[in-house]
């Protein structure tokens, strides 16, 4: 494993690094300037949905992609973040910025409580356990009166601005979603290039070999889950501020957990930009089916999810990133 780590840590050539940072800079400038070229609030809202879905996919990717622990209960952490910040705001007037951090901390504490027993399970048993835990948490919030129970909670619009994170325009939410995505990508990149990333990949690929070399599987799985849940909770808090209304059906349902995983799988599980590509593709498919079928298309998203999973599993296990690499490799092979 040490040999693999040394090879993975080998720095890229200066020319390649310069090209990469140049592309990152140009992409950043384009994304920052993009709202200036969009007049339609609906189109801007679509971009916000893509950015928020991408951020959740990146958060899930730390646990499911790097560490190889497939969770289908991540909506629990998303919902904990949303409910924590909203309840602190409504009941004690806590600033949403602080509420967002508090939601992340609460999600981390919940992840440690949940992860300790669940990580004793392996493979699909762990996945089934995460679904069960998420369903339990959704049921608790559905019957918890201080949290609004099944009716939910509404954030008032009487105070607007960056201090309260309540805006009449969509543009500020776009920049908030973009900033949160950038932070999540930065955390993902840092982990992938640090010793944590090497341990996560070892746990994913060769858990027995990693254990024999002294790597604590439970410890590093819990670290992956804690970081992943913290970022997912931040996304939940942002969702609550954007929609100004939450209920168990919107922030804790199983379909949301499946979507987090599918965004990463569709784009390329374990890759940095895979969840971003997956979020763009999946959100466009969802919105297209919604506009095509309207109210008669309820449940269409689940059919789309199932179809995408089957296609990826059979034809393109590497996702969109893997498909793009294959295309580039074939082109290079044809030129040589």
C-alpha atoms as a PDB file:
ATOM      1  CA  UNK A   1       0.000   0.000   0.000  1.00  0.00           C
ATOM      2  CA  UNK A   2       2.939   2.326   0.713  1.00  0.00           C
ATOM      3  CA  UNK A   3       4.184   1.822  -2.842  1.00  0.00           C
ATOM      4  CA  UNK A   4       0.761   2.669  -4.232  1.00  0.00           C
ATOM      5  CA  UNK A   5       0.593   5.762  -2.054  1.00  0.00           C
ATOM      6  CA  UNK A   6       3.994   6.974  -3.222  1.00  0.00           C
ATOM      7  CA  UNK A   7       3.031   6.482  -6.859  1.00  0.00           C
ATOM      8  CA  UNK A   8      -0.284   8.271  -6.349  1.00  0.00           C
ATOM      9  CA  UNK A   9       1.471  11.175  -4.674  1.00  0.00           C
ATOM     10  CA  UNK A  10       3.885  11.692  -7.539  1.00  0.00           C
ATOM     11  CA  UNK A  11       3.409  15.305  -8.669  1.00  0.00           C
ATOM     12  CA  UNK A  12       2.170  16.122 -12.133  1.00  0.00           C
ATOM     13  CA  UNK A  13       4.367  18.033 -14.578  1.00  0.00           C
ATOM     14  CA  UNK A  14       4.425  21.850 -14.214  1.00  0.00           C
ATOM     15  CA  UNK A  15       2.945  22.288 -17.688  1.00  0.00           C
ATOM     16  CA  UNK A  16       0.023  19.998 -16.880  1.00  0.00           C
ATOM     17  CA  UNK A  17      -0.577  21.760 -13.560  1.00  0.00           C
ATOM     18  CA  UNK A  18      -0.575  25.145 -15.278  1.00  0.00           C
ATOM     19  CA  UNK A  19      -3.118  23.966 -17.837  1.00  0.00           C
ATOM     20  CA  UNK A  20      -5.317  22.501 -15.106  1.00  0.00           C
ATOM     21  CA  UNK A  21      -5.292  25.659 -12.998  1.00  0.00           C
ATOM     22  CA  UNK A  22      -5.921  27.784 -16.081  1.00  0.00           C
ATOM     23  CA  UNK A  23      -8.994  25.698 -16.931  1.00  0.00           C
ATOM     24  CA  UNK A  24     -10.183  25.888 -13.318  1.00  0.00           C
ATOM     25  CA  UNK A  25      -9.777  29.666 -13.320  1.00  0.00           C
ATOM     26  CA  UNK A  26     -11.649  30.093 -16.598  1.00  0.00           C
ATOM     27  CA  UNK A  27     -14.449  27.797 -15.415  1.00  0.00           C
ATOM     28  CA  UNK A  28     -14.698  29.755 -12.165  1.00  0.00           C
ATOM     29  CA  UNK A  29     -14.930  33.085 -13.973  1.00  0.00           C
ATOM     30  CA  UNK A  30     -17.596  31.690 -16.307  1.00  0.00           C
ATOM     31  CA  UNK A  31     -19.675  30.337 -13.419  1.00  0.00           C
ATOM     32  CA  UNK A  32     -19.456  33.601 -11.479  1.00  0.00           C
ATOM     33  CA  UNK A  33     -20.499  35.629 -14.523  1.00  0.00           C
ATOM     34  CA  UNK A  34     -23.196  33.198 -15.687  1.00  0.00           C
ATOM     35  CA  UNK A  35     -26.153  34.765 -13.782  1.00  0.00           C
ATOM     36  CA  UNK A  36     -25.479  38.059 -15.536  1.00  0.00           C
ATOM     37  CA  UNK A  37     -26.382  36.429 -18.840  1.00  0.00           C
ATOM     38  CA  UNK A  38     -29.603  34.786 -17.603  1.00  0.00           C
ATOM     39  CA  UNK A  39     -32.844  36.745 -17.468  1.00  0.00           C
ATOM     40  CA  UNK A  40     -35.266  33.931 -16.668  1.00  0.00           C
ATOM     41  CA  UNK A  41     -35.700  33.100 -12.937  1.00  0.00           C
ATOM     42  CA  UNK A  42     -36.734  29.576 -13.961  1.00  0.00           C
ATOM     43  CA  UNK A  43     -33.458  28.988 -15.792  1.00  0.00           C
ATOM     44  CA  UNK A  44     -31.485  30.415 -12.893  1.00  0.00           C
ATOM     45  CA  UNK A  45     -33.385  28.168 -10.491  1.00  0.00           C
ATOM     46  CA  UNK A  46     -32.441  25.198 -12.691  1.00  0.00           C
ATOM     47  CA  UNK A  47     -28.771  26.109 -12.342  1.00  0.00           C
ATOM     48  CA  UNK A  48     -29.183  26.386  -8.569  1.00  0.00           C
ATOM     49  CA  UNK A  49     -30.728  22.915  -8.457  1.00  0.00           C
ATOM     50  CA  UNK A  50     -27.802  21.540 -10.457  1.00  0.00           C
ATOM     51  CA  UNK A  51     -25.263  23.156  -8.113  1.00  0.00           C
ATOM     52  CA  UNK A  52     -27.073  21.912  -5.002  1.00  0.00           C
ATOM     53  CA  UNK A  53     -27.391  18.385  -6.394  1.00  0.00           C
ATOM     54  CA  UNK A  54     -23.712  18.424  -7.344  1.00  0.00           C
ATOM     55  CA  UNK A  55     -22.726  19.510  -3.825  1.00  0.00           C
ATOM     56  CA  UNK A  56     -24.700  16.655  -2.288  1.00  0.00           C
ATOM     57  CA  UNK A  57     -23.155  14.228  -4.760  1.00  0.00           C
ATOM     58  CA  UNK A  58     -19.669  15.439  -3.836  1.00  0.00           C
ATOM     59  CA  UNK A  59     -20.536  15.033  -0.136  1.00  0.00           C
ATOM     60  CA  UNK A  60     -21.792  11.480  -0.690  1.00  0.00           C
ATOM     61  CA  UNK A  61     -18.763  10.682  -2.860  1.00  0.00           C
ATOM     62  CA  UNK A  62     -16.393  11.030   0.118  1.00  0.00           C
ATOM     63  CA  UNK A  63     -18.054   8.073   1.835  1.00  0.00           C
ATOM     64  CA  UNK A  64     -19.405   6.078  -1.083  1.00  0.00           C
ATOM     65  CA  UNK A  65     -16.767   6.847  -3.706  1.00  0.00           C
ATOM     66  CA  UNK A  66     -13.480   7.208  -1.841  1.00  0.00           C
ATOM     67  CA  UNK A  67     -14.165   4.901   1.121  1.00  0.00           C
ATOM     68  CA  UNK A  68     -16.470   2.531  -0.767  1.00  0.00           C
ATOM     69  CA  UNK A  69     -19.263   2.540   1.848  1.00  0.00           C
ATOM     70  CA  UNK A  70     -22.532   2.766  -0.079  1.00  0.00           C
ATOM     71  CA  UNK A  71     -25.042   4.705   2.009  1.00  0.00           C
ATOM     72  CA  UNK A  72     -28.657   5.097   0.965  1.00  0.00           C
ATOM     73  CA  UNK A  73     -29.623   6.990   4.098  1.00  0.00           C
ATOM     74  CA  UNK A  74     -27.788  10.273   3.590  1.00  0.00           C
ATOM     75  CA  UNK A  75     -31.067  12.176   3.506  1.00  0.00           C
ATOM     76  CA  UNK A  76     -31.022  11.810   7.294  1.00  0.00           C
ATOM     77  CA  UNK A  77     -28.003  14.131   7.538  1.00  0.00           C
ATOM     78  CA  UNK A  78     -29.445  16.491   4.942  1.00  0.00           C
ATOM     79  CA  UNK A  79     -32.647  16.697   6.982  1.00  0.00           C
ATOM     80  CA  UNK A  80     -30.812  17.121  10.288  1.00  0.00           C
ATOM     81  CA  UNK A  81     -28.976  20.112   8.836  1.00  0.00           C
ATOM     82  CA  UNK A  82     -32.199  21.629   7.498  1.00  0.00           C
ATOM     83  CA  UNK A  83     -34.161  21.124  10.714  1.00  0.00           C
ATOM     84  CA  UNK A  84     -31.351  22.239  13.034  1.00  0.00           C
ATOM     85  CA  UNK A  85     -30.774  25.603  11.352  1.00  0.00           C
ATOM     86  CA  UNK A  86     -34.503  26.229  10.872  1.00  0.00           C
ATOM     87  CA  UNK A  87     -35.495  25.358  14.444  1.00  0.00           C
ATOM     88  CA  UNK A  88     -32.663  27.442  15.904  1.00  0.00           C
ATOM     89  CA  UNK A  89     -33.803  30.385  13.789  1.00  0.00           C
ATOM     90  CA  UNK A  90     -37.511  30.088  14.612  1.00  0.00           C
ATOM     91  CA  UNK A  91     -37.257  29.249  18.298  1.00  0.00           C
ATOM     92  CA  UNK A  92     -34.195  31.180  19.447  1.00  0.00           C
ATOM     93  CA  UNK A  93     -33.446  33.603  16.611  1.00  0.00           C
ATOM     94  CA  UNK A  94     -30.024  32.073  15.903  1.00  0.00           C
ATOM     95  CA  UNK A  95     -28.366  33.513  12.803  1.00  0.00           C
ATOM     96  CA  UNK A  96     -28.670  31.096   9.828  1.00  0.00           C
ATOM     97  CA  UNK A  97     -24.901  31.179   9.268  1.00  0.00           C
ATOM     98  CA  UNK A  98     -24.394  29.842  12.788  1.00  0.00           C
ATOM     99  CA  UNK A  99     -27.377  27.550  12.375  1.00  0.00           C
ATOM    100  CA  UNK A 100     -25.780  26.063   9.278  1.00  0.00           C
ATOM    101  CA  UNK A 101     -22.618  25.205  11.218  1.00  0.00           C
ATOM    102  CA  UNK A 102     -24.697  23.875  14.111  1.00  0.00           C
ATOM    103  CA  UNK A 103     -26.582  21.661  11.674  1.00  0.00           C
ATOM    104  CA  UNK A 104     -23.276  20.275  10.404  1.00  0.00           C
ATOM    105  CA  UNK A 105     -22.119  19.541  13.949  1.00  0.00           C
ATOM    106  CA  UNK A 106     -25.414  17.822  14.797  1.00  0.00           C
ATOM    107  CA  UNK A 107     -25.110  15.703  11.647  1.00  0.00           C
ATOM    108  CA  UNK A 108     -21.562  14.690  12.614  1.00  0.00           C
ATOM    109  CA  UNK A 109     -22.723  13.640  16.092  1.00  0.00           C
ATOM    110  CA  UNK A 110     -25.590  11.673  14.560  1.00  0.00           C
ATOM    111  CA  UNK A 111     -23.216  10.039  12.066  1.00  0.00           C
ATOM    112  CA  UNK A 112     -20.935   8.823  14.856  1.00  0.00           C
ATOM    113  CA  UNK A 113     -23.882   7.339  16.747  1.00  0.00           C
ATOM    114  CA  UNK A 114     -25.237   5.724  13.579  1.00  0.00           C
ATOM    115  CA  UNK A 115     -21.901   4.671  12.098  1.00  0.00           C
ATOM    116  CA  UNK A 116     -20.481   2.862  15.118  1.00  0.00           C
ATOM    117  CA  UNK A 117     -22.997  -0.037  14.992  1.00  0.00           C
ATOM    118  CA  UNK A 118     -23.645   0.100  11.239  1.00  0.00           C
ATOM    119  CA  UNK A 119     -19.990  -0.254  10.266  1.00  0.00           C
ATOM    120  CA  UNK A 120     -19.973  -3.646  11.949  1.00  0.00           C
ATOM    121  CA  UNK A 121     -21.981  -4.703   8.901  1.00  0.00           C
ATOM    122  CA  UNK A 122     -20.498  -5.205   5.441  1.00  0.00           C
ATOM    123  CA  UNK A 123     -21.647  -4.780   1.862  1.00  0.00           C
ATOM    124  CA  UNK A 124     -25.360  -4.673   1.214  1.00  0.00           C
ATOM    125  CA  UNK A 125     -26.127  -5.236   4.904  1.00  0.00           C
ATOM    126  CA  UNK A 126     -24.559  -1.852   5.677  1.00  0.00           C
ATOM    127  CA  UNK A 127     -26.563  -0.255   2.863  1.00  0.00           C
ATOM    128  CA  UNK A 128     -29.791  -1.768   4.185  1.00  0.00           C
ATOM    129  CA  UNK A 129     -28.976  -0.514   7.683  1.00  0.00           C
ATOM    130  CA  UNK A 130     -28.539   3.067   6.438  1.00  0.00           C
ATOM    131  CA  UNK A 131     -31.956   2.927   4.762  1.00  0.00           C
ATOM    132  CA  UNK A 132     -33.533   1.650   7.970  1.00  0.00           C
ATOM    133  CA  UNK A 133     -31.905   4.375  10.103  1.00  0.00           C
ATOM    134  CA  UNK A 134     -33.011   7.101   7.676  1.00  0.00           C
ATOM    135  CA  UNK A 135     -36.586   5.808   7.764  1.00  0.00           C
ATOM    136  CA  UNK A 136     -36.531   5.821  11.576  1.00  0.00           C
ATOM    137  CA  UNK A 137     -35.300   9.424  11.644  1.00  0.00           C
ATOM    138  CA  UNK A 138     -37.979  10.462   9.138  1.00  0.00           C
ATOM    139  CA  UNK A 139     -40.649   8.834  11.306  1.00  0.00           C
ATOM    140  CA  UNK A 140     -39.339  10.611  14.421  1.00  0.00           C
ATOM    141  CA  UNK A 141     -39.498  14.030  12.755  1.00  0.00           C
ATOM    142  CA  UNK A 142     -42.928  13.261  11.299  1.00  0.00           C
ATOM    143  CA  UNK A 143     -44.256  12.797  14.837  1.00  0.00           C
ATOM    144  CA  UNK A 144     -42.157  15.439  16.636  1.00  0.00           C
ATOM    145  CA  UNK A 145     -44.424  18.393  17.403  1.00  0.00           C
ATOM    146  CA  UNK A 146     -41.653  20.975  18.187  1.00  0.00           C
ATOM    147  CA  UNK A 147     -40.289  20.303  14.694  1.00  0.00           C
ATOM    148  CA  UNK A 148     -43.673  20.887  13.091  1.00  0.00           C
ATOM    149  CA  UNK A 149     -44.409  17.158  12.762  1.00  0.00           C
ATOM    150  CA  UNK A 150     -45.880  16.279   9.359  1.00  0.00           C
ATOM    151  CA  UNK A 151     -46.936  19.904   8.747  1.00  0.00           C
ATOM    152  CA  UNK A 152     -43.367  21.165   8.622  1.00  0.00           C
ATOM    153  CA  UNK A 153     -41.736  24.528   9.342  1.00  0.00           C
ATOM    154  CA  UNK A 154     -41.858  27.836   7.465  1.00  0.00           C
ATOM    155  CA  UNK A 155     -39.127  30.486   7.535  1.00  0.00           C
ATOM    156  CA  UNK A 156     -40.577  34.035   7.500  1.00  0.00           C
ATOM    157  CA  UNK A 157     -39.496  36.564   4.876  1.00  0.00           C
ATOM    158  CA  UNK A 158     -39.835  39.643   7.098  1.00  0.00           C
ATOM    159  CA  UNK A 159     -36.061  40.140   7.296  1.00  0.00           C
ATOM    160  CA  UNK A 160     -34.081  39.810   4.088  1.00  0.00           C
ATOM    161  CA  UNK A 161     -30.401  40.097   3.235  1.00  0.00           C
ATOM    162  CA  UNK A 162     -27.107  38.258   3.609  1.00  0.00           C
ATOM    163  CA  UNK A 163     -27.358  38.334   7.404  1.00  0.00           C
ATOM    164  CA  UNK A 164     -30.540  36.255   7.365  1.00  0.00           C
ATOM    165  CA  UNK A 165     -29.929  34.375   4.076  1.00  0.00           C
ATOM    166  CA  UNK A 166     -33.417  35.253   2.879  1.00  0.00           C
ATOM    167  CA  UNK A 167     -33.669  36.869  -0.544  1.00  0.00           C
ATOM    168  CA  UNK A 168     -36.427  37.821  -2.940  1.00  0.00           C
ATOM    169  CA  UNK A 169     -34.109  37.153  -5.901  1.00  0.00           C
ATOM    170  CA  UNK A 170     -32.634  33.815  -7.000  1.00  0.00           C
ATOM    171  CA  UNK A 171     -29.181  35.230  -7.722  1.00  0.00           C
ATOM    172  CA  UNK A 172     -27.831  35.206  -4.127  1.00  0.00           C
ATOM    173  CA  UNK A 173     -28.872  31.563  -3.757  1.00  0.00           C
ATOM    174  CA  UNK A 174     -26.930  30.768  -6.914  1.00  0.00           C
ATOM    175  CA  UNK A 175     -23.744  32.207  -5.427  1.00  0.00           C
ATOM    176  CA  UNK A 176     -24.367  30.480  -2.103  1.00  0.00           C
ATOM    177  CA  UNK A 177     -24.816  27.135  -3.866  1.00  0.00           C
ATOM    178  CA  UNK A 178     -21.746  27.767  -6.012  1.00  0.00           C
ATOM    179  CA  UNK A 179     -19.649  28.666  -2.964  1.00  0.00           C
ATOM    180  CA  UNK A 180     -20.795  25.591  -1.047  1.00  0.00           C
ATOM    181  CA  UNK A 181     -20.004  23.386  -4.039  1.00  0.00           C
ATOM    182  CA  UNK A 182     -16.529  24.924  -4.310  1.00  0.00           C
ATOM    183  CA  UNK A 183     -15.894  24.245  -0.607  1.00  0.00           C
ATOM    184  CA  UNK A 184     -17.092  20.648  -0.963  1.00  0.00           C
ATOM    185  CA  UNK A 185     -14.891  20.077  -4.013  1.00  0.00           C
ATOM    186  CA  UNK A 186     -11.935  21.559  -2.145  1.00  0.00           C
ATOM    187  CA  UNK A 187     -12.495  19.220   0.808  1.00  0.00           C
ATOM    188  CA  UNK A 188     -12.864  16.260  -1.543  1.00  0.00           C
ATOM    189  CA  UNK A 189      -9.657  17.163  -3.386  1.00  0.00           C
ATOM    190  CA  UNK A 190      -7.734  17.668  -0.150  1.00  0.00           C
ATOM    191  CA  UNK A 191      -8.863  14.297   1.202  1.00  0.00           C
ATOM    192  CA  UNK A 192      -8.083  12.511  -2.062  1.00  0.00           C
ATOM    193  CA  UNK A 193      -4.501  13.822  -2.005  1.00  0.00           C
ATOM    194  CA  UNK A 194      -3.877  13.352   1.720  1.00  0.00           C
ATOM    195  CA  UNK A 195      -3.134  10.228   3.721  1.00  0.00           C
ATOM    196  CA  UNK A 196      -6.869  10.011   4.467  1.00  0.00           C
ATOM    197  CA  UNK A 197      -7.527   9.459   0.776  1.00  0.00           C
ATOM    198  CA  UNK A 198      -4.979   6.649   0.617  1.00  0.00           C
ATOM    199  CA  UNK A 199      -6.523   4.976   3.661  1.00  0.00           C
ATOM    200  CA  UNK A 200     -10.040   5.404   2.263  1.00  0.00           C
ATOM    201  CA  UNK A 201      -9.074   3.829  -1.065  1.00  0.00           C
ATOM    202  CA  UNK A 202      -7.278   1.005   0.725  1.00  0.00           C
ATOM    203  CA  UNK A 203     -10.396   0.320   2.803  1.00  0.00           C
ATOM    204  CA  UNK A 204     -12.469   0.349  -0.380  1.00  0.00           C
ATOM    205  CA  UNK A 205     -10.210  -1.883  -2.504  1.00  0.00           C
ATOM    206  CA  UNK A 206      -8.364  -4.139  -0.027  1.00  0.00           C
ATOM    207  CA  UNK A 207      -9.863  -3.906   3.463  1.00  0.00           C
ATOM    208  CA  UNK A 208      -8.130  -7.030   4.751  1.00  0.00           C
ATOM    209  CA  UNK A 209      -4.736  -5.846   3.515  1.00  0.00           C
ATOM    210  CA  UNK A 210      -5.344  -2.405   5.026  1.00  0.00           C
ATOM    211  CA  UNK A 211      -6.224  -3.977   8.395  1.00  0.00           C
ATOM    212  CA  UNK A 212      -3.087  -6.120   8.297  1.00  0.00           C
ATOM    213  CA  UNK A 213      -0.998  -2.954   7.827  1.00  0.00           C
ATOM    214  CA  UNK A 214      -2.489  -1.373  10.927  1.00  0.00           C
ATOM    215  CA  UNK A 215      -5.242   0.754   9.398  1.00  0.00           C
ATOM    216  CA  UNK A 216      -8.261   0.985  11.710  1.00  0.00           C
ATOM    217  CA  UNK A 217     -11.179   0.337   9.383  1.00  0.00           C
ATOM    218  CA  UNK A 218     -13.863   1.542  11.777  1.00  0.00           C
ATOM    219  CA  UNK A 219     -11.963   4.724  12.656  1.00  0.00           C
ATOM    220  CA  UNK A 220     -11.428   5.852   9.080  1.00  0.00           C
ATOM    221  CA  UNK A 221     -14.908   4.820   7.987  1.00  0.00           C
ATOM    222  CA  UNK A 222     -16.278   7.019  10.770  1.00  0.00           C
ATOM    223  CA  UNK A 223     -14.062   9.897   9.621  1.00  0.00           C
ATOM    224  CA  UNK A 224     -15.358   9.514   6.059  1.00  0.00           C
ATOM    225  CA  UNK A 225     -18.943   9.393   7.291  1.00  0.00           C
ATOM    226  CA  UNK A 226     -18.461  12.418   9.559  1.00  0.00           C
ATOM    227  CA  UNK A 227     -17.012  14.618   6.799  1.00  0.00           C
ATOM    228  CA  UNK A 228     -19.627  13.430   4.320  1.00  0.00           C
ATOM    229  CA  UNK A 229     -22.511  14.037   6.733  1.00  0.00           C
ATOM    230  CA  UNK A 230     -21.206  17.506   7.677  1.00  0.00           C
ATOM    231  CA  UNK A 231     -21.202  18.629   4.045  1.00  0.00           C
ATOM    232  CA  UNK A 232     -24.612  17.033   3.405  1.00  0.00           C
ATOM    233  CA  UNK A 233     -26.027  18.917   6.415  1.00  0.00           C
ATOM    234  CA  UNK A 234     -24.697  22.219   5.035  1.00  0.00           C
ATOM    235  CA  UNK A 235     -26.574  21.448   1.837  1.00  0.00           C
ATOM    236  CA  UNK A 236     -29.726  20.782   3.871  1.00  0.00           C
ATOM    237  CA  UNK A 237     -29.457  24.133   5.652  1.00  0.00           C
ATOM    238  CA  UNK A 238     -29.034  25.942   2.332  1.00  0.00           C
ATOM    239  CA  UNK A 239     -32.070  24.122   0.940  1.00  0.00           C
ATOM    240  CA  UNK A 240     -34.162  25.246   3.915  1.00  0.00           C
ATOM    241  CA  UNK A 241     -33.120  28.871   3.424  1.00  0.00           C
ATOM    242  CA  UNK A 242     -33.817  28.737  -0.295  1.00  0.00           C
ATOM    243  CA  UNK A 243     -37.235  27.086  -0.114  1.00  0.00           C
ATOM    244  CA  UNK A 244     -38.264  28.776   3.184  1.00  0.00           C
ATOM    245  CA  UNK A 245     -40.232  25.641   4.025  1.00  0.00           C
ATOM    246  CA  UNK A 246     -39.272  22.120   5.067  1.00  0.00           C
ATOM    247  CA  UNK A 247     -41.145  19.001   6.098  1.00  0.00           C
ATOM    248  CA  UNK A 248     -40.112  15.337   6.491  1.00  0.00           C
ATOM    249  CA  UNK A 249     -41.297  14.536   2.993  1.00  0.00           C
ATOM    250  CA  UNK A 250     -39.036  17.130   1.390  1.00  0.00           C
ATOM    251  CA  UNK A 251     -35.779  16.739   3.328  1.00  0.00           C
ATOM    252  CA  UNK A 252     -35.830  13.198   4.737  1.00  0.00           C
ATOM    253  CA  UNK A 253     -37.344  10.962   2.061  1.00  0.00           C
ATOM    254  CA  UNK A 254     -35.463   7.931   0.710  1.00  0.00           C
ATOM    255  CA  UNK A 255     -35.621   9.194  -2.872  1.00  0.00           C
ATOM    256  CA  UNK A 256     -33.287  12.030  -1.901  1.00  0.00           C
ATOM    257  CA  UNK A 257     -30.726   9.551  -0.564  1.00  0.00           C
ATOM    258  CA  UNK A 258     -30.919   7.581  -3.789  1.00  0.00           C
ATOM    259  CA  UNK A 259     -30.435  10.758  -5.785  1.00  0.00           C
ATOM    260  CA  UNK A 260     -27.280  11.689  -3.834  1.00  0.00           C
ATOM    261  CA  UNK A 261     -25.771   8.309  -4.633  1.00  0.00           C
ATOM    262  CA  UNK A 262     -26.978   8.283  -8.222  1.00  0.00           C
ATOM    263  CA  UNK A 263     -25.502  11.707  -8.992  1.00  0.00           C
ATOM    264  CA  UNK A 264     -22.075  10.382  -8.070  1.00  0.00           C
ATOM    265  CA  UNK A 265     -22.553   7.017  -9.774  1.00  0.00           C
ATOM    266  CA  UNK A 266     -23.865   8.580 -12.981  1.00  0.00           C
ATOM    267  CA  UNK A 267     -20.983  11.008 -13.240  1.00  0.00           C
ATOM    268  CA  UNK A 268     -18.260   8.648 -12.075  1.00  0.00           C
ATOM    269  CA  UNK A 269     -18.050   7.331  -8.541  1.00  0.00           C
ATOM    270  CA  UNK A 270     -14.797   8.160  -6.772  1.00  0.00           C
ATOM    271  CA  UNK A 271     -13.879  10.977  -9.167  1.00  0.00           C
ATOM    272  CA  UNK A 272     -13.722  14.670  -8.321  1.00  0.00           C
ATOM    273  CA  UNK A 273     -15.893  16.138 -11.065  1.00  0.00           C
ATOM    274  CA  UNK A 274     -18.077  13.083 -11.654  1.00  0.00           C
ATOM    275  CA  UNK A 275     -20.839  14.245  -9.278  1.00  0.00           C
ATOM    276  CA  UNK A 276     -20.915  17.643 -11.006  1.00  0.00           C
ATOM    277  CA  UNK A 277     -21.473  16.065 -14.426  1.00  0.00           C
ATOM    278  CA  UNK A 278     -23.930  13.581 -12.947  1.00  0.00           C
ATOM    279  CA  UNK A 279     -25.913  16.355 -11.262  1.00  0.00           C
ATOM    280  CA  UNK A 280     -26.164  18.329 -14.494  1.00  0.00           C
ATOM    281  CA  UNK A 281     -27.341  15.310 -16.480  1.00  0.00           C
ATOM    282  CA  UNK A 282     -29.755  13.986 -13.846  1.00  0.00           C
ATOM    283  CA  UNK A 283     -31.318  17.368 -13.033  1.00  0.00           C
ATOM    284  CA  UNK A 284     -31.927  18.083 -16.715  1.00  0.00           C
ATOM    285  CA  UNK A 285     -33.534  14.653 -17.104  1.00  0.00           C
ATOM    286  CA  UNK A 286     -35.731  15.230 -14.037  1.00  0.00           C
ATOM    287  CA  UNK A 287     -36.856  18.685 -15.076  1.00  0.00           C
ATOM    288  CA  UNK A 288     -37.444  17.486 -18.631  1.00  0.00           C
ATOM    289  CA  UNK A 289     -39.647  14.606 -17.467  1.00  0.00           C
ATOM    290  CA  UNK A 290     -41.501  16.923 -15.065  1.00  0.00           C
ATOM    291  CA  UNK A 291     -42.286  19.430 -17.807  1.00  0.00           C
ATOM    292  CA  UNK A 292     -43.214  16.641 -20.214  1.00  0.00           C
ATOM    293  CA  UNK A 293     -45.535  14.671 -17.936  1.00  0.00           C
ATOM    294  CA  UNK A 294     -46.584  17.370 -15.467  1.00  0.00           C
ATOM    295  CA  UNK A 295     -48.711  16.212 -12.559  1.00  0.00           C
ATOM    296  CA  UNK A 296     -49.422  12.880 -14.252  1.00  0.00           C
ATOM    297  CA  UNK A 297     -45.740  11.966 -14.056  1.00  0.00           C
ATOM    298  CA  UNK A 298     -45.488  11.377 -10.322  1.00  0.00           C
ATOM    299  CA  UNK A 299     -42.998   8.602  -9.690  1.00  0.00           C
ATOM    300  CA  UNK A 300     -41.313   9.192 -13.042  1.00  0.00           C
ATOM    301  CA  UNK A 301     -38.124  10.214 -11.246  1.00  0.00           C
ATOM    302  CA  UNK A 302     -37.891   6.785  -9.609  1.00  0.00           C
ATOM    303  CA  UNK A 303     -38.338   5.097 -12.981  1.00  0.00           C
ATOM    304  CA  UNK A 304     -35.598   7.317 -14.396  1.00  0.00           C
ATOM    305  CA  UNK A 305     -33.326   6.472 -11.458  1.00  0.00           C
ATOM    306  CA  UNK A 306     -33.866   2.739 -11.958  1.00  0.00           C
ATOM    307  CA  UNK A 307     -33.229   2.973 -15.696  1.00  0.00           C
ATOM    308  CA  UNK A 308     -30.000   4.941 -15.220  1.00  0.00           C
ATOM    309  CA  UNK A 309     -28.710   2.478 -12.618  1.00  0.00           C
ATOM    310  CA  UNK A 310     -29.339  -0.449 -14.949  1.00  0.00           C
ATOM    311  CA  UNK A 311     -27.686   1.243 -17.934  1.00  0.00           C
ATOM    312  CA  UNK A 312     -24.616   2.276 -15.922  1.00  0.00           C
ATOM    313  CA  UNK A 313     -24.218  -1.129 -14.284  1.00  0.00           C
ATOM    314  CA  UNK A 314     -24.422  -2.965 -17.616  1.00  0.00           C
ATOM    315  CA  UNK A 315     -22.732  -0.634 -20.097  1.00  0.00           C
ATOM    316  CA  UNK A 316     -20.745   2.141 -18.378  1.00  0.00           C
ATOM    317  CA  UNK A 317     -19.632   1.263 -14.818  1.00  0.00           C
ATOM    318  CA  UNK A 318     -17.222   4.224 -14.929  1.00  0.00           C
ATOM    319  CA  UNK A 319     -20.045   6.730 -15.442  1.00  0.00           C
ATOM    320  CA  UNK A 320     -19.808   9.809 -17.636  1.00  0.00           C
ATOM    321  CA  UNK A 321     -16.194  10.453 -16.612  1.00  0.00           C
ATOM    322  CA  UNK A 322     -15.238   6.888 -17.541  1.00  0.00           C
ATOM    323  CA  UNK A 323     -17.081   7.171 -20.851  1.00  0.00           C
ATOM    324  CA  UNK A 324     -15.267  10.434 -21.673  1.00  0.00           C
ATOM    325  CA  UNK A 325     -11.908   8.856 -20.857  1.00  0.00           C
ATOM    326  CA  UNK A 326     -12.680   5.912 -23.131  1.00  0.00           C
ATOM    327  CA  UNK A 327     -13.590   8.275 -25.981  1.00  0.00           C
ATOM    328  CA  UNK A 328     -10.371  10.264 -25.548  1.00  0.00           C
ATOM    329  CA  UNK A 329      -8.316   7.076 -25.344  1.00  0.00           C
ATOM    330  CA  UNK A 330      -9.837   5.784 -28.582  1.00  0.00           C
ATOM    331  CA  UNK A 331      -9.148   9.065 -30.330  1.00  0.00           C
ATOM    332  CA  UNK A 332      -5.538   9.071 -29.187  1.00  0.00           C
ATOM    333  CA  UNK A 333      -5.211   5.443 -30.270  1.00  0.00           C
ATOM    334  CA  UNK A 334      -6.618   6.274 -33.685  1.00  0.00           C
ATOM    335  CA  UNK A 335      -4.170   9.113 -34.210  1.00  0.00           C
ATOM    336  CA  UNK A 336      -1.108   7.067 -33.233  1.00  0.00           C
END
